[in-house]
């Protein structure tokens, strides 16, 4: 089974790459399967699989998918991650 993670484009790196925020983690994602990256895509939502955007989705679908993934992982929005200082 393959899992695609929903995310929102924050910026365009170049004509092939966009920075996408996936639940607070930003990664540069290849946009070739979507016809490349351009400024008009900023703010739009995409499913990302192994570093490639594979489909554009609605904001609602993105939020619901992320909510379900967090639920499966046992994480809710009130959880915080703390690092131990040494």
PDB file of N, CA and C in Angstrom:
ATOM      1  N   UNK A   1       0.846  -1.178   0.000  1.00  0.00           N
ATOM      2  CA  UNK A   1       0.000   0.000   0.000  1.00  0.00           C
ATOM      3  C   UNK A   1       0.890   1.239   0.000  1.00  0.00           C
ATOM      4  N   UNK A   2       0.501   2.219  -0.758  1.00  0.00           N
ATOM      5  CA  UNK A   2       1.223   3.488  -0.825  1.00  0.00           C
ATOM      6  C   UNK A   2       0.392   4.574  -0.152  1.00  0.00           C
ATOM      7  N   UNK A   3       1.072   5.492   0.503  1.00  0.00           N
ATOM      8  CA  UNK A   3       0.388   6.603   1.158  1.00  0.00           C
ATOM      9  C   UNK A   3       0.899   7.908   0.579  1.00  0.00           C
ATOM     10  N   UNK A   4      -0.023   8.770   0.224  1.00  0.00           N
ATOM     11  CA  UNK A   4       0.316  10.126  -0.220  1.00  0.00           C
ATOM     12  C   UNK A   4      -0.095  11.084   0.889  1.00  0.00           C
ATOM     13  N   UNK A   5       0.746  12.064   1.146  1.00  0.00           N
ATOM     14  CA  UNK A   5       0.522  13.022   2.222  1.00  0.00           C
ATOM     15  C   UNK A   5       0.020  14.336   1.620  1.00  0.00           C
ATOM     16  N   UNK A   6      -1.050  14.900   2.177  1.00  0.00           N
ATOM     17  CA  UNK A   6      -1.544  16.178   1.664  1.00  0.00           C
ATOM     18  C   UNK A   6      -0.679  17.343   2.136  1.00  0.00           C
ATOM     19  N   UNK A   7      -0.582  18.357   1.289  1.00  0.00           N
ATOM     20  CA  UNK A   7       0.182  19.528   1.674  1.00  0.00           C
ATOM     21  C   UNK A   7      -0.198  20.744   0.852  1.00  0.00           C
ATOM     22  N   UNK A   8       0.269  21.889   1.308  1.00  0.00           N
ATOM     23  CA  UNK A   8      -0.051  23.175   0.687  1.00  0.00           C
ATOM     24  C   UNK A   8       1.236  23.839   0.202  1.00  0.00           C
ATOM     25  N   UNK A   9       1.218  24.309  -1.037  1.00  0.00           N
ATOM     26  CA  UNK A   9       2.394  24.967  -1.594  1.00  0.00           C
ATOM     27  C   UNK A   9       2.621  26.304  -0.899  1.00  0.00           C
ATOM     28  N   UNK A  10       3.837  26.472  -0.382  1.00  0.00           N
ATOM     29  CA  UNK A  10       4.235  27.704   0.287  1.00  0.00           C
ATOM     30  C   UNK A  10       5.042  28.616  -0.628  1.00  0.00           C
ATOM     31  N   UNK A  11       5.885  28.015  -1.496  1.00  0.00           N
ATOM     32  CA  UNK A  11       6.707  28.819  -2.399  1.00  0.00           C
ATOM     33  C   UNK A  11       7.151  27.972  -3.587  1.00  0.00           C
ATOM     34  N   UNK A  12       7.612  28.672  -4.611  1.00  0.00           N
ATOM     35  CA  UNK A  12       8.136  28.023  -5.804  1.00  0.00           C
ATOM     36  C   UNK A  12       9.657  28.129  -5.765  1.00  0.00           C
ATOM     37  N   UNK A  13      10.337  27.003  -5.907  1.00  0.00           N
ATOM     38  CA  UNK A  13      11.797  26.970  -5.899  1.00  0.00           C
ATOM     39  C   UNK A  13      12.328  27.239  -7.305  1.00  0.00           C
ATOM     40  N   UNK A  14      11.774  26.516  -8.281  1.00  0.00           N
ATOM     41  CA  UNK A  14      12.113  26.712  -9.690  1.00  0.00           C
ATOM     42  C   UNK A  14      10.973  26.147 -10.528  1.00  0.00           C
ATOM     43  N   UNK A  15      11.160  26.039 -11.831  1.00  0.00           N
ATOM     44  CA  UNK A  15      10.053  25.612 -12.696  1.00  0.00           C
ATOM     45  C   UNK A  15       9.637  24.163 -12.479  1.00  0.00           C
ATOM     46  N   UNK A  16      10.428  23.389 -11.742  1.00  0.00           N
ATOM     47  CA  UNK A  16      10.092  21.984 -11.499  1.00  0.00           C
ATOM     48  C   UNK A  16       9.814  21.656 -10.036  1.00  0.00           C
ATOM     49  N   UNK A  17      10.053  22.603  -9.131  1.00  0.00           N
ATOM     50  CA  UNK A  17      10.033  22.299  -7.703  1.00  0.00           C
ATOM     51  C   UNK A  17       9.279  23.363  -6.914  1.00  0.00           C
ATOM     52  N   UNK A  18       8.501  22.881  -5.931  1.00  0.00           N
ATOM     53  CA  UNK A  18       7.800  23.784  -5.015  1.00  0.00           C
ATOM     54  C   UNK A  18       8.061  23.328  -3.590  1.00  0.00           C
ATOM     55  N   UNK A  19       8.032  24.262  -2.659  1.00  0.00           N
ATOM     56  CA  UNK A  19       8.115  23.920  -1.244  1.00  0.00           C
ATOM     57  C   UNK A  19       6.694  23.724  -0.745  1.00  0.00           C
ATOM     58  N   UNK A  20       6.433  22.541  -0.199  1.00  0.00           N
ATOM     59  CA  UNK A  20       5.092  22.185   0.259  1.00  0.00           C
ATOM     60  C   UNK A  20       5.118  21.913   1.755  1.00  0.00           C
ATOM     61  N   UNK A  21       4.165  22.513   2.474  1.00  0.00           N
ATOM     62  CA  UNK A  21       3.991  22.305   3.908  1.00  0.00           C
ATOM     63  C   UNK A  21       3.043  21.134   4.100  1.00  0.00           C
ATOM     64  N   UNK A  22       3.557  20.065   4.715  1.00  0.00           N
ATOM     65  CA  UNK A  22       2.758  18.868   4.980  1.00  0.00           C
ATOM     66  C   UNK A  22       2.644  18.694   6.482  1.00  0.00           C
ATOM     67  N   UNK A  23       1.637  19.308   7.066  1.00  0.00           N
ATOM     68  CA  UNK A  23       1.417  19.189   8.500  1.00  0.00           C
ATOM     69  C   UNK A  23       2.508  19.817   9.344  1.00  0.00           C
ATOM     70  N   UNK A  24       3.073  20.916   8.865  1.00  0.00           N
ATOM     71  CA  UNK A  24       4.108  21.612   9.609  1.00  0.00           C
ATOM     72  C   UNK A  24       5.525  21.243   9.199  1.00  0.00           C
ATOM     73  N   UNK A  25       5.662  20.271   8.337  1.00  0.00           N
ATOM     74  CA  UNK A  25       6.975  19.880   7.816  1.00  0.00           C
ATOM     75  C   UNK A  25       7.030  20.319   6.360  1.00  0.00           C
ATOM     76  N   UNK A  26       8.003  21.175   6.035  1.00  0.00           N
ATOM     77  CA  UNK A  26       8.132  21.691   4.673  1.00  0.00           C
ATOM     78  C   UNK A  26       9.214  20.929   3.928  1.00  0.00           C
ATOM     79  N   UNK A  27       8.890  20.540   2.707  1.00  0.00           N
ATOM     80  CA  UNK A  27       9.822  19.811   1.852  1.00  0.00           C
ATOM     81  C   UNK A  27       9.734  20.364   0.443  1.00  0.00           C
ATOM     82  N   UNK A  28      10.865  20.307  -0.265  1.00  0.00           N
ATOM     83  CA  UNK A  28      10.861  20.628  -1.684  1.00  0.00           C
ATOM     84  C   UNK A  28      10.354  19.405  -2.430  1.00  0.00           C
ATOM     85  N   UNK A  29       9.351  19.621  -3.288  1.00  0.00           N
ATOM     86  CA  UNK A  29       8.651  18.539  -3.972  1.00  0.00           C
ATOM     87  C   UNK A  29       8.733  18.751  -5.478  1.00  0.00           C
ATOM     88  N   UNK A  30       8.983  17.669  -6.203  1.00  0.00           N
ATOM     89  CA  UNK A  30       9.022  17.722  -7.657  1.00  0.00           C
ATOM     90  C   UNK A  30       7.593  17.871  -8.184  1.00  0.00           C
ATOM     91  N   UNK A  31       7.391  18.856  -9.061  1.00  0.00           N
ATOM     92  CA  UNK A  31       6.055  19.155  -9.595  1.00  0.00           C
ATOM     93  C   UNK A  31       5.891  18.737 -11.050  1.00  0.00           C
ATOM     94  N   UNK A  32       6.837  17.955 -11.596  1.00  0.00           N
ATOM     95  CA  UNK A  32       6.793  17.575 -13.006  1.00  0.00           C
ATOM     96  C   UNK A  32       5.496  16.875 -13.399  1.00  0.00           C
ATOM     97  N   UNK A  33       4.956  16.018 -12.544  1.00  0.00           N
ATOM     98  CA  UNK A  33       3.722  15.301 -12.876  1.00  0.00           C
ATOM     99  C   UNK A  33       2.504  16.227 -12.931  1.00  0.00           C
ATOM    100  N   UNK A  34       2.645  17.426 -12.392  1.00  0.00           N
ATOM    101  CA  UNK A  34       1.577  18.423 -12.418  1.00  0.00           C
ATOM    102  C   UNK A  34       1.821  19.465 -13.515  1.00  0.00           C
ATOM    103  N   UNK A  35       2.795  19.202 -14.374  1.00  0.00           N
ATOM    104  CA  UNK A  35       3.095  20.140 -15.455  1.00  0.00           C
ATOM    105  C   UNK A  35       4.107  21.202 -15.074  1.00  0.00           C
ATOM    106  N   UNK A  36       4.788  21.010 -13.955  1.00  0.00           N
ATOM    107  CA  UNK A  36       5.773  21.983 -13.493  1.00  0.00           C
ATOM    108  C   UNK A  36       5.198  22.865 -12.404  1.00  0.00           C
ATOM    109  N   UNK A  37       6.054  23.730 -11.879  1.00  0.00           N
ATOM    110  CA  UNK A  37       5.662  24.628 -10.791  1.00  0.00           C
ATOM    111  C   UNK A  37       5.622  26.059 -11.285  1.00  0.00           C
ATOM    112  N   UNK A  38       4.617  26.803 -10.836  1.00  0.00           N
ATOM    113  CA  UNK A  38       4.553  28.232 -11.158  1.00  0.00           C
ATOM    114  C   UNK A  38       3.854  28.973 -10.028  1.00  0.00           C
ATOM    115  N   UNK A  39       4.024  30.280 -10.014  1.00  0.00           N
ATOM    116  CA  UNK A  39       3.520  31.130  -8.921  1.00  0.00           C
ATOM    117  C   UNK A  39       2.011  30.995  -8.692  1.00  0.00           C
ATOM    118  N   UNK A  40       1.246  30.650  -9.721  1.00  0.00           N
ATOM    119  CA  UNK A  40      -0.210  30.524  -9.556  1.00  0.00           C
ATOM    120  C   UNK A  40      -0.597  29.341  -8.660  1.00  0.00           C
ATOM    121  N   UNK A  41       0.354  28.456  -8.376  1.00  0.00           N
ATOM    122  CA  UNK A  41       0.073  27.285  -7.547  1.00  0.00           C
ATOM    123  C   UNK A  41       0.210  27.567  -6.050  1.00  0.00           C
ATOM    124  N   UNK A  42       0.808  28.676  -5.679  1.00  0.00           N
ATOM    125  CA  UNK A  42       1.000  28.980  -4.262  1.00  0.00           C
ATOM    126  C   UNK A  42      -0.356  29.021  -3.556  1.00  0.00           C
ATOM    127  N   UNK A  43      -0.446  28.295  -2.449  1.00  0.00           N
ATOM    128  CA  UNK A  43      -1.686  28.212  -1.682  1.00  0.00           C
ATOM    129  C   UNK A  43      -2.565  27.036  -2.064  1.00  0.00           C
ATOM    130  N   UNK A  44      -2.264  26.361  -3.169  1.00  0.00           N
ATOM    131  CA  UNK A  44      -3.058  25.198  -3.579  1.00  0.00           C
ATOM    132  C   UNK A  44      -2.562  23.954  -2.858  1.00  0.00           C
ATOM    133  N   UNK A  45      -3.430  22.949  -2.806  1.00  0.00           N
ATOM    134  CA  UNK A  45      -3.154  21.717  -2.071  1.00  0.00           C
ATOM    135  C   UNK A  45      -2.906  20.558  -3.026  1.00  0.00           C
ATOM    136  N   UNK A  46      -1.933  19.712  -2.651  1.00  0.00           N
ATOM    137  CA  UNK A  46      -1.555  18.569  -3.477  1.00  0.00           C
ATOM    138  C   UNK A  46      -1.294  17.355  -2.604  1.00  0.00           C
ATOM    139  N   UNK A  47      -1.446  16.175  -3.200  1.00  0.00           N
ATOM    140  CA  UNK A  47      -1.014  14.947  -2.555  1.00  0.00           C
ATOM    141  C   UNK A  47       0.416  14.693  -2.982  1.00  0.00           C
ATOM    142  N   UNK A  48       1.277  14.334  -2.017  1.00  0.00           N
ATOM    143  CA  UNK A  48       2.699  14.122  -2.274  1.00  0.00           C
ATOM    144  C   UNK A  48       3.046  12.670  -1.936  1.00  0.00           C
ATOM    145  N   UNK A  49       3.712  12.014  -2.893  1.00  0.00           N
ATOM    146  CA  UNK A  49       4.150  10.634  -2.705  1.00  0.00           C
ATOM    147  C   UNK A  49       5.599  10.520  -3.163  1.00  0.00           C
ATOM    148  N   UNK A  50       6.465  10.050  -2.302  1.00  0.00           N
ATOM    149  CA  UNK A  50       7.904   9.885  -2.540  1.00  0.00           C
ATOM    150  C   UNK A  50       8.545  11.076  -3.259  1.00  0.00           C
ATOM    151  N   UNK A  51       8.218  12.282  -2.786  1.00  0.00           N
ATOM    152  CA  UNK A  51       8.858  13.483  -3.313  1.00  0.00           C
ATOM    153  C   UNK A  51       8.237  14.074  -4.557  1.00  0.00           C
ATOM    154  N   UNK A  52       7.134  13.523  -5.016  1.00  0.00           N
ATOM    155  CA  UNK A  52       6.437  14.022  -6.200  1.00  0.00           C
ATOM    156  C   UNK A  52       5.006  14.409  -5.856  1.00  0.00           C
ATOM    157  N   UNK A  53       4.559  15.545  -6.364  1.00  0.00           N
ATOM    158  CA  UNK A  53       3.137  15.889  -6.274  1.00  0.00           C
ATOM    159  C   UNK A  53       2.431  15.028  -7.311  1.00  0.00           C
ATOM    160  N   UNK A  54       1.391  14.299  -6.870  1.00  0.00           N
ATOM    161  CA  UNK A  54       0.723  13.376  -7.788  1.00  0.00           C
ATOM    162  C   UNK A  54      -0.707  13.768  -8.129  1.00  0.00           C
ATOM    163  N   UNK A  55      -1.291  14.700  -7.366  1.00  0.00           N
ATOM    164  CA  UNK A  55      -2.664  15.135  -7.653  1.00  0.00           C
ATOM    165  C   UNK A  55      -2.963  16.421  -6.907  1.00  0.00           C
ATOM    166  N   UNK A  56      -3.706  17.308  -7.547  1.00  0.00           N
ATOM    167  CA  UNK A  56      -4.209  18.496  -6.862  1.00  0.00           C
ATOM    168  C   UNK A  56      -5.512  18.118  -6.176  1.00  0.00           C
ATOM    169  N   UNK A  57      -5.685  18.587  -4.936  1.00  0.00           N
ATOM    170  CA  UNK A  57      -6.892  18.300  -4.175  1.00  0.00           C
ATOM    171  C   UNK A  57      -7.421  19.595  -3.571  1.00  0.00           C
ATOM    172  N   UNK A  58      -8.661  19.543  -3.077  1.00  0.00           N
ATOM    173  CA  UNK A  58      -9.253  20.719  -2.447  1.00  0.00           C
ATOM    174  C   UNK A  58      -8.677  20.906  -1.045  1.00  0.00           C
ATOM    175  N   UNK A  59      -8.819  22.103  -0.528  1.00  0.00           N
ATOM    176  CA  UNK A  59      -8.378  22.388   0.839  1.00  0.00           C
ATOM    177  C   UNK A  59      -9.104  21.493   1.831  1.00  0.00           C
ATOM    178  N   UNK A  60     -10.393  21.281   1.616  1.00  0.00           N
ATOM    179  CA  UNK A  60     -11.190  20.443   2.510  1.00  0.00           C
ATOM    180  C   UNK A  60     -10.684  19.006   2.509  1.00  0.00           C
ATOM    181  N   UNK A  61     -10.406  18.464   1.322  1.00  0.00           N
ATOM    182  CA  UNK A  61      -9.905  17.097   1.233  1.00  0.00           C
ATOM    183  C   UNK A  61      -8.522  16.987   1.892  1.00  0.00           C
ATOM    184  N   UNK A  62      -7.705  17.998   1.715  1.00  0.00           N
ATOM    185  CA  UNK A  62      -6.378  18.026   2.327  1.00  0.00           C
ATOM    186  C   UNK A  62      -6.487  17.990   3.847  1.00  0.00           C
ATOM    187  N   UNK A  63      -7.332  18.839   4.404  1.00  0.00           N
ATOM    188  CA  UNK A  63      -7.495  18.903   5.860  1.00  0.00           C
ATOM    189  C   UNK A  63      -8.074  17.607   6.424  1.00  0.00           C
ATOM    190  N   UNK A  64      -9.047  17.032   5.740  1.00  0.00           N
ATOM    191  CA  UNK A  64      -9.668  15.789   6.209  1.00  0.00           C
ATOM    192  C   UNK A  64      -8.675  14.630   6.132  1.00  0.00           C
ATOM    193  N   UNK A  65      -7.907  14.557   5.064  1.00  0.00           N
ATOM    194  CA  UNK A  65      -6.907  13.493   4.933  1.00  0.00           C
ATOM    195  C   UNK A  65      -5.852  13.607   6.023  1.00  0.00           C
ATOM    196  N   UNK A  66      -5.374  14.814   6.292  1.00  0.00           N
ATOM    197  CA  UNK A  66      -4.382  15.005   7.347  1.00  0.00           C
ATOM    198  C   UNK A  66      -4.970  14.652   8.709  1.00  0.00           C
ATOM    199  N   UNK A  67      -6.216  15.018   8.944  1.00  0.00           N
ATOM    200  CA  UNK A  67      -6.871  14.679  10.208  1.00  0.00           C
ATOM    201  C   UNK A  67      -6.928  13.160  10.395  1.00  0.00           C
ATOM    202  N   UNK A  68      -7.290  12.449   9.331  1.00  0.00           N
ATOM    203  CA  UNK A  68      -7.380  10.991   9.406  1.00  0.00           C
ATOM    204  C   UNK A  68      -6.007  10.348   9.605  1.00  0.00           C
ATOM    205  N   UNK A  69      -4.989  10.860   8.927  1.00  0.00           N
ATOM    206  CA  UNK A  69      -3.635  10.325   9.106  1.00  0.00           C
ATOM    207  C   UNK A  69      -3.158  10.521  10.544  1.00  0.00           C
ATOM    208  N   UNK A  70      -3.446  11.692  11.117  1.00  0.00           N
ATOM    209  CA  UNK A  70      -3.072  11.947  12.512  1.00  0.00           C
ATOM    210  C   UNK A  70      -3.831  11.022  13.450  1.00  0.00           C
ATOM    211  N   UNK A  71      -5.105  10.787  13.151  1.00  0.00           N
ATOM    212  CA  UNK A  71      -5.917   9.895  13.979  1.00  0.00           C
ATOM    213  C   UNK A  71      -5.343   8.475  13.941  1.00  0.00           C
ATOM    214  N   UNK A  72      -4.983   8.006  12.764  1.00  0.00           N
ATOM    215  CA  UNK A  72      -4.399   6.672  12.626  1.00  0.00           C
ATOM    216  C   UNK A  72      -3.088   6.576  13.411  1.00  0.00           C
ATOM    217  N   UNK A  73      -2.298   7.643  13.371  1.00  0.00           N
ATOM    218  CA  UNK A  73      -1.013   7.660  14.068  1.00  0.00           C
ATOM    219  C   UNK A  73      -1.146   7.898  15.561  1.00  0.00           C
ATOM    220  N   UNK A  74      -2.347   8.219  16.029  1.00  0.00           N
ATOM    221  CA  UNK A  74      -2.559   8.485  17.441  1.00  0.00           C
ATOM    222  C   UNK A  74      -2.114   9.870  17.861  1.00  0.00           C
ATOM    223  N   UNK A  75      -2.084  10.795  16.908  1.00  0.00           N
ATOM    224  CA  UNK A  75      -1.683  12.174  17.179  1.00  0.00           C
ATOM    225  C   UNK A  75      -2.906  13.065  17.026  1.00  0.00           C
ATOM    226  N   UNK A  76      -3.087  13.989  17.972  1.00  0.00           N
ATOM    227  CA  UNK A  76      -4.134  14.986  17.763  1.00  0.00           C
ATOM    228  C   UNK A  76      -3.493  16.363  17.789  1.00  0.00           C
ATOM    229  N   UNK A  77      -4.252  17.376  17.452  1.00  0.00           N
ATOM    230  CA  UNK A  77      -3.716  18.727  17.330  1.00  0.00           C
ATOM    231  C   UNK A  77      -3.174  19.287  18.637  1.00  0.00           C
ATOM    232  N   UNK A  78      -3.563  18.720  19.783  1.00  0.00           N
ATOM    233  CA  UNK A  78      -3.068  19.228  21.057  1.00  0.00           C
ATOM    234  C   UNK A  78      -1.729  18.599  21.449  1.00  0.00           C
ATOM    235  N   UNK A  79      -1.319  17.529  20.744  1.00  0.00           N
ATOM    236  CA  UNK A  79      -0.035  16.905  21.048  1.00  0.00           C
ATOM    237  C   UNK A  79       1.111  17.832  20.637  1.00  0.00           C
ATOM    238  N   UNK A  80       2.130  17.867  21.469  1.00  0.00           N
ATOM    239  CA  UNK A  80       3.330  18.606  21.137  1.00  0.00           C
ATOM    240  C   UNK A  80       4.518  17.697  21.310  1.00  0.00           C
ATOM    241  N   UNK A  81       5.543  17.960  20.574  1.00  0.00           N
ATOM    242  CA  UNK A  81       6.757  17.171  20.664  1.00  0.00           C
ATOM    243  C   UNK A  81       7.811  18.027  21.337  1.00  0.00           C
ATOM    244  N   UNK A  82       8.410  17.480  22.394  1.00  0.00           N
ATOM    245  CA  UNK A  82       9.458  18.207  23.100  1.00  0.00           C
ATOM    246  C   UNK A  82      10.746  17.433  22.946  1.00  0.00           C
ATOM    247  N   UNK A  83      11.821  18.163  22.757  1.00  0.00           N
ATOM    248  CA  UNK A  83      13.121  17.519  22.696  1.00  0.00           C
ATOM    249  C   UNK A  83      13.814  17.698  24.034  1.00  0.00           C
ATOM    250  N   UNK A  84      14.539  16.678  24.408  1.00  0.00           N
ATOM    251  CA  UNK A  84      15.232  16.705  25.685  1.00  0.00           C
ATOM    252  C   UNK A  84      16.554  17.425  25.523  1.00  0.00           C
ATOM    253  N   UNK A  85      16.828  18.387  26.362  1.00  0.00           N
ATOM    254  CA  UNK A  85      18.101  19.110  26.328  1.00  0.00           C
ATOM    255  C   UNK A  85      19.143  18.345  27.115  1.00  0.00           C
ATOM    256  N   UNK A  86      20.369  18.279  26.569  1.00  0.00           N
ATOM    257  CA  UNK A  86      21.450  17.603  27.290  1.00  0.00           C
ATOM    258  C   UNK A  86      22.595  18.537  27.520  1.00  0.00           C
TER     259      UNK A  86
END
